[in-house]
PDB file of N, CA and C in Angstrom:
ATOM      1  N   MET A   1     -21.519  41.690  31.811  1.00  0.00           N
ATOM      2  CA  MET A   1     -21.965  40.653  32.470  1.00  0.00           C
ATOM      3  C   MET A   1     -23.567  39.738  32.398  1.00  0.00           C
ATOM      4  N   ALA A   2     -24.390  40.688  31.748  1.00  0.00           N
ATOM      5  CA  ALA A   2     -25.717  40.073  31.402  1.00  0.00           C
ATOM      6  C   ALA A   2     -25.609  39.380  30.484  1.00  0.00           C
ATOM      7  N   LEU A   3     -24.871  39.633  29.263  1.00  0.00           N
ATOM      8  CA  LEU A   3     -24.683  39.071  28.110  1.00  0.00           C
ATOM      9  C   LEU A   3     -23.928  37.763  28.564  1.00  0.00           C
ATOM     10  N   VAL A   4     -23.043  37.764  29.378  1.00  0.00           N
ATOM     11  CA  VAL A   4     -22.494  36.209  29.567  1.00  0.00           C
ATOM     12  C   VAL A   4     -23.313  35.421  30.133  1.00  0.00           C
ATOM     13  N   LYS A   5     -24.376  35.820  31.059  1.00  0.00           N
ATOM     14  CA  LYS A   5     -25.425  35.116  31.745  1.00  0.00           C
ATOM     15  C   LYS A   5     -26.140  34.566  30.734  1.00  0.00           C
ATOM     16  N   SER A   6     -26.663  35.520  30.198  1.00  0.00           N
ATOM     17  CA  SER A   6     -27.687  34.962  28.722  1.00  0.00           C
ATOM     18  C   SER A   6     -26.988  33.965  27.903  1.00  0.00           C
ATOM     19  N   MET A   7     -25.639  34.161  27.485  1.00  0.00           N
ATOM     20  CA  MET A   7     -24.986  32.738  26.960  1.00  0.00           C
ATOM     21  C   MET A   7     -24.947  31.726  27.685  1.00  0.00           C
ATOM     22  N   LYS A   8     -24.548  32.113  28.698  1.00  0.00           N
ATOM     23  CA  LYS A   8     -24.701  30.733  29.790  1.00  0.00           C
ATOM     24  C   LYS A   8     -26.052  30.120  29.811  1.00  0.00           C
ATOM     25  N   ASN A   9     -27.074  30.827  30.131  1.00  0.00           N
ATOM     26  CA  ASN A   9     -28.533  30.412  30.054  1.00  0.00           C
ATOM     27  C   ASN A   9     -28.683  29.609  28.656  1.00  0.00           C
ATOM     28  N   LEU A  10     -28.315  30.112  27.800  1.00  0.00           N
ATOM     29  CA  LEU A  10     -28.594  29.403  26.109  1.00  0.00           C
ATOM     30  C   LEU A  10     -27.647  27.962  26.229  1.00  0.00           C
ATOM     31  N   ILE A  11     -26.670  28.228  26.431  1.00  0.00           N
ATOM     32  CA  ILE A  11     -25.684  26.920  26.502  1.00  0.00           C
ATOM     33  C   ILE A  11     -26.471  25.798  27.396  1.00  0.00           C
ATOM     34  N   TYR A  12     -26.415  26.161  28.568  1.00  0.00           N
ATOM     35  CA  TYR A  12     -26.847  25.108  29.276  1.00  0.00           C
ATOM     36  C   TYR A  12     -28.563  24.915  29.097  1.00  0.00           C
ATOM     37  N   GLY A  13     -29.142  25.651  28.496  1.00  0.00           N
ATOM     38  CA  GLY A  13     -30.588  25.121  28.047  1.00  0.00           C
ATOM     39  C   GLY A  13     -30.598  24.187  27.222  1.00  0.00           C
ATOM     40  N   GLU A  14     -29.743  24.014  26.154  1.00  0.00           N
ATOM     41  CA  GLU A  14     -29.218  23.469  24.998  1.00  0.00           C
ATOM     42  C   GLU A  14     -29.085  21.889  25.646  1.00  0.00           C
ATOM     43  N   LEU A  15     -27.970  22.209  26.472  1.00  0.00           N
ATOM     44  CA  LEU A  15     -27.296  20.802  27.052  1.00  0.00           C
ATOM     45  C   LEU A  15     -28.294  20.189  27.696  1.00  0.00           C
ATOM     46  N   LEU A  16     -29.444  20.833  28.370  1.00  0.00           N
ATOM     47  CA  LEU A  16     -30.394  20.318  29.202  1.00  0.00           C
ATOM     48  C   LEU A  16     -31.534  19.648  28.080  1.00  0.00           C
ATOM     49  N   ASN A  17     -31.553  20.004  26.955  1.00  0.00           N
ATOM     50  CA  ASN A  17     -32.306  19.619  26.133  1.00  0.00           C
ATOM     51  C   ASN A  17     -31.607  18.100  25.651  1.00  0.00           C
ATOM     52  N   VAL A  18     -30.564  18.303  25.409  1.00  0.00           N
ATOM     53  CA  VAL A  18     -29.979  17.196  24.799  1.00  0.00           C
ATOM     54  C   VAL A  18     -29.429  15.871  25.546  1.00  0.00           C
ATOM     55  N   TYR A  19     -28.759  16.385  27.063  1.00  0.00           N
ATOM     56  CA  TYR A  19     -28.330  15.552  28.069  1.00  0.00           C
ATOM     57  C   TYR A  19     -29.228  15.378  29.148  1.00  0.00           C
ATOM     58  N   GLY A  20     -30.537  16.086  29.550  1.00  0.00           N
ATOM     59  CA  GLY A  20     -31.083  16.131  30.448  1.00  0.00           C
ATOM     60  C   GLY A  20     -31.514  15.095  31.276  1.00  0.00           C
ATOM     61  N   LYS A  21     -31.780  14.075  30.372  1.00  0.00           N
ATOM     62  CA  LYS A  21     -32.103  12.842  30.848  1.00  0.00           C
ATOM     63  C   LYS A  21     -31.184  11.956  31.527  1.00  0.00           C
ATOM     64  N   MET A  22     -29.665  12.612  31.492  1.00  0.00           N
ATOM     65  CA  MET A  22     -28.628  11.607  32.134  1.00  0.00           C
ATOM     66  C   MET A  22     -28.449  12.292  33.509  1.00  0.00           C
ATOM     67  N   LEU A  23     -29.332  13.434  33.691  1.00  0.00           N
ATOM     68  CA  LEU A  23     -28.974  13.897  35.393  1.00  0.00           C
ATOM     69  C   LEU A  23     -29.959  13.168  36.280  1.00  0.00           C
ATOM     70  N   THR A  24     -29.878  13.430  37.687  1.00  0.00           N
ATOM     71  CA  THR A  24     -30.804  12.866  38.644  1.00  0.00           C
ATOM     72  C   THR A  24     -32.002  13.744  38.405  1.00  0.00           C
ATOM     73  N   ALA A  25     -33.339  13.277  39.267  1.00  0.00           N
ATOM     74  CA  ALA A  25     -34.406  14.200  39.009  1.00  0.00           C
ATOM     75  C   ALA A  25     -34.001  15.131  39.820  1.00  0.00           C
ATOM     76  N   LYS A  26     -33.406  15.440  40.743  1.00  0.00           N
ATOM     77  CA  LYS A  26     -33.185  16.723  41.520  1.00  0.00           C
ATOM     78  C   LYS A  26     -32.202  17.620  40.960  1.00  0.00           C
ATOM     79  N   GLN A  27     -31.358  17.027  40.289  1.00  0.00           N
ATOM     80  CA  GLN A  27     -30.165  17.945  39.256  1.00  0.00           C
ATOM     81  C   GLN A  27     -31.108  18.728  38.204  1.00  0.00           C
ATOM     82  N   LEU A  28     -32.038  17.853  37.347  1.00  0.00           N
ATOM     83  CA  LEU A  28     -32.789  18.146  36.207  1.00  0.00           C
ATOM     84  C   LEU A  28     -33.788  19.255  36.785  1.00  0.00           C
ATOM     85  N   GLU A  29     -34.497  19.072  37.701  1.00  0.00           N
ATOM     86  CA  GLU A  29     -35.497  19.956  38.251  1.00  0.00           C
ATOM     87  C   GLU A  29     -34.828  21.419  38.622  1.00  0.00           C
ATOM     88  N   ALA A  30     -33.734  21.301  39.345  1.00  0.00           N
ATOM     89  CA  ALA A  30     -32.895  22.465  39.548  1.00  0.00           C
ATOM     90  C   ALA A  30     -32.516  23.090  38.509  1.00  0.00           C
ATOM     91  N   MET A  31     -31.854  22.388  37.619  1.00  0.00           N
ATOM     92  CA  MET A  31     -31.480  23.218  36.284  1.00  0.00           C
ATOM     93  C   MET A  31     -32.823  23.901  35.571  1.00  0.00           C
ATOM     94  N   GLU A  32     -33.614  23.013  35.323  1.00  0.00           N
ATOM     95  CA  GLU A  32     -34.659  23.702  34.679  1.00  0.00           C
ATOM     96  C   GLU A  32     -35.568  24.822  35.264  1.00  0.00           C
ATOM     97  N   GLN A  33     -35.479  24.706  36.822  1.00  0.00           N
ATOM     98  CA  GLN A  33     -36.027  26.046  37.329  1.00  0.00           C
ATOM     99  C   GLN A  33     -35.244  27.194  36.915  1.00  0.00           C
ATOM    100  N   TYR A  34     -33.831  26.693  37.438  1.00  0.00           N
ATOM    101  CA  TYR A  34     -32.860  28.021  37.396  1.00  0.00           C
ATOM    102  C   TYR A  34     -32.734  28.555  35.824  1.00  0.00           C
ATOM    103  N   TYR A  35     -32.441  27.805  34.979  1.00  0.00           N
ATOM    104  CA  TYR A  35     -32.172  28.243  33.814  1.00  0.00           C
ATOM    105  C   TYR A  35     -33.328  28.214  32.475  1.00  0.00           C
ATOM    106  N   ASN A  36     -34.499  27.357  32.692  1.00  0.00           N
ATOM    107  CA  ASN A  36     -35.550  27.842  31.942  1.00  0.00           C
ATOM    108  C   ASN A  36     -36.643  28.563  32.502  1.00  0.00           C
ATOM    109  N   LEU A  37     -36.716  28.568  33.861  1.00  0.00           N
ATOM    110  CA  LEU A  37     -37.827  29.297  34.330  1.00  0.00           C
ATOM    111  C   LEU A  37     -37.343  30.665  35.134  1.00  0.00           C
ATOM    112  N   ASP A  38     -35.950  30.701  35.093  1.00  0.00           N
ATOM    113  CA  ASP A  38     -35.023  31.975  35.691  1.00  0.00           C
ATOM    114  C   ASP A  38     -35.592  31.925  37.159  1.00  0.00           C
ATOM    115  N   LEU A  39     -35.745  31.325  37.911  1.00  0.00           N
ATOM    116  CA  LEU A  39     -35.736  31.453  39.553  1.00  0.00           C
ATOM    117  C   LEU A  39     -34.518  31.491  40.390  1.00  0.00           C
ATOM    118  N   SER A  40     -34.854  32.309  41.303  1.00  0.00           N
ATOM    119  CA  SER A  40     -33.719  32.765  41.989  1.00  0.00           C
ATOM    120  C   SER A  40     -33.185  30.980  42.812  1.00  0.00           C
ATOM    121  N   LEU A  41     -32.050  30.877  43.566  1.00  0.00           N
ATOM    122  CA  LEU A  41     -31.636  30.026  44.300  1.00  0.00           C
ATOM    123  C   LEU A  41     -32.579  29.792  45.357  1.00  0.00           C
ATOM    124  N   ALA A  42     -32.933  30.956  46.066  1.00  0.00           N
ATOM    125  CA  ALA A  42     -34.026  30.935  47.217  1.00  0.00           C
ATOM    126  C   ALA A  42     -35.388  30.298  46.662  1.00  0.00           C
ATOM    127  N   GLU A  43     -35.745  30.691  45.398  1.00  0.00           N
ATOM    128  CA  GLU A  43     -36.941  30.300  45.149  1.00  0.00           C
ATOM    129  C   GLU A  43     -36.888  28.565  44.785  1.00  0.00           C
ATOM    130  N   ILE A  44     -35.761  28.049  44.225  1.00  0.00           N
ATOM    131  CA  ILE A  44     -35.661  26.850  43.828  1.00  0.00           C
ATOM    132  C   ILE A  44     -35.629  26.256  44.867  1.00  0.00           C
ATOM    133  N   ALA A  45     -34.815  26.630  46.389  1.00  0.00           N
ATOM    134  CA  ALA A  45     -34.452  25.877  47.448  1.00  0.00           C
ATOM    135  C   ALA A  45     -35.881  25.702  48.192  1.00  0.00           C
ATOM    136  N   GLU A  46     -36.810  26.701  47.982  1.00  0.00           N
ATOM    137  CA  GLU A  46     -38.260  26.616  48.645  1.00  0.00           C
ATOM    138  C   GLU A  46     -38.880  25.556  47.625  1.00  0.00           C
ATOM    139  N   HIS A  47     -38.921  25.417  46.584  1.00  0.00           N
ATOM    140  CA  HIS A  47     -39.600  24.146  45.978  1.00  0.00           C
ATOM    141  C   HIS A  47     -39.159  22.765  46.158  1.00  0.00           C
ATOM    142  N   LEU A  48     -37.642  23.046  46.265  1.00  0.00           N
ATOM    143  CA  LEU A  48     -37.268  21.544  46.431  1.00  0.00           C
ATOM    144  C   LEU A  48     -36.880  21.177  47.942  1.00  0.00           C
ATOM    145  N   ASN A  49     -37.256  22.345  48.829  1.00  0.00           N
ATOM    146  CA  ASN A  49     -37.275  21.951  50.209  1.00  0.00           C
ATOM    147  C   ASN A  49     -35.882  21.766  50.679  1.00  0.00           C
ATOM    148  N   ILE A  50     -34.933  22.354  50.150  1.00  0.00           N
ATOM    149  CA  ILE A  50     -33.359  22.134  50.534  1.00  0.00           C
ATOM    150  C   ILE A  50     -32.833  23.571  50.592  1.00  0.00           C
ATOM    151  N   THR A  51     -31.576  23.719  51.066  1.00  0.00           N
ATOM    152  CA  THR A  51     -30.788  25.140  51.623  1.00  0.00           C
ATOM    153  C   THR A  51     -30.633  25.349  49.854  1.00  0.00           C
ATOM    154  N   ARG A  52     -30.586  26.939  49.806  1.00  0.00           N
ATOM    155  CA  ARG A  52     -29.653  27.656  49.005  1.00  0.00           C
ATOM    156  C   ARG A  52     -28.603  26.951  48.461  1.00  0.00           C
ATOM    157  N   GLN A  53     -27.768  27.076  49.720  1.00  0.00           N
ATOM    158  CA  GLN A  53     -26.293  26.152  49.237  1.00  0.00           C
ATOM    159  C   GLN A  53     -26.577  24.797  48.623  1.00  0.00           C
ATOM    160  N   ALA A  54     -27.224  24.058  49.110  1.00  0.00           N
ATOM    161  CA  ALA A  54     -27.737  22.700  48.462  1.00  0.00           C
ATOM    162  C   ALA A  54     -28.158  22.821  47.044  1.00  0.00           C
ATOM    163  N   VAL A  55     -28.877  23.834  46.537  1.00  0.00           N
ATOM    164  CA  VAL A  55     -29.364  24.082  45.247  1.00  0.00           C
ATOM    165  C   VAL A  55     -28.223  24.737  44.397  1.00  0.00           C
ATOM    166  N   ARG A  56     -27.397  25.432  45.068  1.00  0.00           N
ATOM    167  CA  ARG A  56     -26.139  26.108  44.383  1.00  0.00           C
ATOM    168  C   ARG A  56     -25.146  24.716  44.123  1.00  0.00           C
ATOM    169  N   ALA A  57     -24.987  23.609  45.099  1.00  0.00           N
ATOM    170  CA  ALA A  57     -23.983  22.392  45.015  1.00  0.00           C
ATOM    171  C   ALA A  57     -24.752  21.595  43.825  1.00  0.00           C
ATOM    172  N   THR A  58     -26.195  21.457  43.811  1.00  0.00           N
ATOM    173  CA  THR A  58     -26.931  21.034  42.799  1.00  0.00           C
ATOM    174  C   THR A  58     -26.541  21.199  41.768  1.00  0.00           C
ATOM    175  N   LEU A  59     -26.679  22.636  41.161  1.00  0.00           N
ATOM    176  CA  LEU A  59     -26.387  23.073  39.741  1.00  0.00           C
ATOM    177  C   LEU A  59     -24.999  22.877  39.540  1.00  0.00           C
ATOM    178  N   LEU A  60     -24.112  23.105  40.309  1.00  0.00           N
ATOM    179  CA  LEU A  60     -22.779  22.983  40.018  1.00  0.00           C
ATOM    180  C   LEU A  60     -22.699  21.688  39.377  1.00  0.00           C
ATOM    181  N   LYS A  61     -22.798  20.687  40.248  1.00  0.00           N
ATOM    182  CA  LYS A  61     -22.607  19.112  40.058  1.00  0.00           C
ATOM    183  C   LYS A  61     -23.481  18.657  38.792  1.00  0.00           C
ATOM    184  N   ALA A  62     -24.511  19.499  38.605  1.00  0.00           N
ATOM    185  CA  ALA A  62     -25.505  19.244  36.979  1.00  0.00           C
ATOM    186  C   ALA A  62     -24.705  19.508  35.958  1.00  0.00           C
ATOM    187  N   GLN A  63     -24.164  21.035  36.286  1.00  0.00           N
ATOM    188  CA  GLN A  63     -23.280  21.634  35.134  1.00  0.00           C
ATOM    189  C   GLN A  63     -21.882  20.762  34.823  1.00  0.00           C
ATOM    190  N   LYS A  64     -21.301  20.197  35.628  1.00  0.00           N
ATOM    191  CA  LYS A  64     -20.048  19.584  35.423  1.00  0.00           C
ATOM    192  C   LYS A  64     -20.675  18.041  34.679  1.00  0.00           C
ATOM    193  N   VAL A  65     -21.630  17.633  34.956  1.00  0.00           N
ATOM    194  CA  VAL A  65     -22.173  16.242  34.238  1.00  0.00           C
ATOM    195  C   VAL A  65     -22.445  16.670  32.753  1.00  0.00           C
ATOM    196  N   LEU A  66     -23.294  17.941  32.492  1.00  0.00           N
ATOM    197  CA  LEU A  66     -23.486  18.159  31.276  1.00  0.00           C
ATOM    198  C   LEU A  66     -22.454  18.714  30.639  1.00  0.00           C
ATOM    199  N   ASP A  67     -21.305  19.489  30.997  1.00  0.00           N
ATOM    200  CA  ASP A  67     -19.955  19.765  30.477  1.00  0.00           C
ATOM    201  C   ASP A  67     -19.238  18.484  30.025  1.00  0.00           C
ATOM    202  N   ASN A  68     -19.286  17.531  30.890  1.00  0.00           N
ATOM    203  CA  ASN A  68     -18.453  16.380  30.633  1.00  0.00           C
ATOM    204  C   ASN A  68     -19.208  15.549  29.480  1.00  0.00           C
ATOM    205  N   LEU A  69     -20.717  15.430  29.681  1.00  0.00           N
ATOM    206  CA  LEU A  69     -21.075  14.819  28.563  1.00  0.00           C
ATOM    207  C   LEU A  69     -20.952  15.516  27.095  1.00  0.00           C
ATOM    208  N   GLU A  70     -20.988  16.670  26.981  1.00  0.00           N
ATOM    209  CA  GLU A  70     -20.877  17.476  25.508  1.00  0.00           C
ATOM    210  C   GLU A  70     -19.505  17.216  25.466  1.00  0.00           C
ATOM    211  N   LYS A  71     -18.329  17.258  26.257  1.00  0.00           N
ATOM    212  CA  LYS A  71     -16.798  17.077  25.939  1.00  0.00           C
ATOM    213  C   LYS A  71     -16.591  15.752  25.418  1.00  0.00           C
ATOM    214  N   ASN A  72     -17.302  14.785  25.911  1.00  0.00           N
ATOM    215  CA  ASN A  72     -17.143  13.416  25.594  1.00  0.00           C
ATOM    216  C   ASN A  72     -17.867  12.864  24.344  1.00  0.00           C
ATOM    217  N   ILE A  73     -18.914  13.358  24.136  1.00  0.00           N
ATOM    218  CA  ILE A  73     -20.024  13.132  23.112  1.00  0.00           C
ATOM    219  C   ILE A  73     -19.944  14.170  22.165  1.00  0.00           C
ATOM    220  N   GLY A  74     -20.044  15.350  22.293  1.00  0.00           N
ATOM    221  CA  GLY A  74     -19.935  16.390  21.492  1.00  0.00           C
ATOM    222  C   GLY A  74     -21.197  16.502  20.574  1.00  0.00           C
ATOM    223  N   PHE A  75     -22.228  16.291  20.806  1.00  0.00           N
ATOM    224  CA  PHE A  75     -23.503  16.205  20.017  1.00  0.00           C
ATOM    225  C   PHE A  75     -23.881  17.980  19.899  1.00  0.00           C
ATOM    226  N   LEU A  76     -23.534  18.704  20.714  1.00  0.00           N
ATOM    227  CA  LEU A  76     -24.099  20.212  20.068  1.00  0.00           C
ATOM    228  C   LEU A  76     -23.090  20.677  19.145  1.00  0.00           C
ATOM    229  N   GLU A  77     -21.615  20.183  19.289  1.00  0.00           N
ATOM    230  CA  GLU A  77     -20.597  20.720  18.679  1.00  0.00           C
ATOM    231  C   GLU A  77     -20.847  20.242  17.230  1.00  0.00           C
ATOM    232  N   TYR A  78     -21.228  18.964  17.073  1.00  0.00           N
ATOM    233  CA  TYR A  78     -21.281  18.365  15.758  1.00  0.00           C
ATOM    234  C   TYR A  78     -22.536  19.112  15.200  1.00  0.00           C
ATOM    235  N   ARG A  79     -23.463  19.177  15.906  1.00  0.00           N
ATOM    236  CA  ARG A  79     -25.140  19.738  15.207  1.00  0.00           C
ATOM    237  C   ARG A  79     -24.537  21.307  14.787  1.00  0.00           C
ATOM    238  N   LYS A  80     -23.754  22.237  15.703  1.00  0.00           N
ATOM    239  CA  LYS A  80     -23.267  23.546  15.022  1.00  0.00           C
ATOM    240  C   LYS A  80     -22.677  23.326  13.811  1.00  0.00           C
ATOM    241  N   ASN A  81     -21.755  22.186  13.519  1.00  0.00           N
ATOM    242  CA  ASN A  81     -20.834  22.524  12.473  1.00  0.00           C
ATOM    243  C   ASN A  81     -21.559  21.560  11.386  1.00  0.00           C
ATOM    244  N   ASN A  82     -22.526  20.759  11.363  1.00  0.00           N
ATOM    245  CA  ASN A  82     -23.228  20.177  10.112  1.00  0.00           C
ATOM    246  C   ASN A  82     -24.854  20.625   9.865  1.00  0.00           C
TER     247      ASN A  82
END
């Protein structure tokens, strides 16, 4: 389980580096705090002055945006193969 989370953190860290500017400011901040700073949902909620549920929803929406960008643009896949 820890390995799966580590891989997910690495993947979303890379996606943030490449496509982060395409997210809203709140999505970017939540993603950076969660994946780069390893803060909990409660800690992020406190920093952003929103509920933990709102943090989770923000993260899920941002992940979907990043996944769709990579699916359509494929920069990371291209970089991996070249």
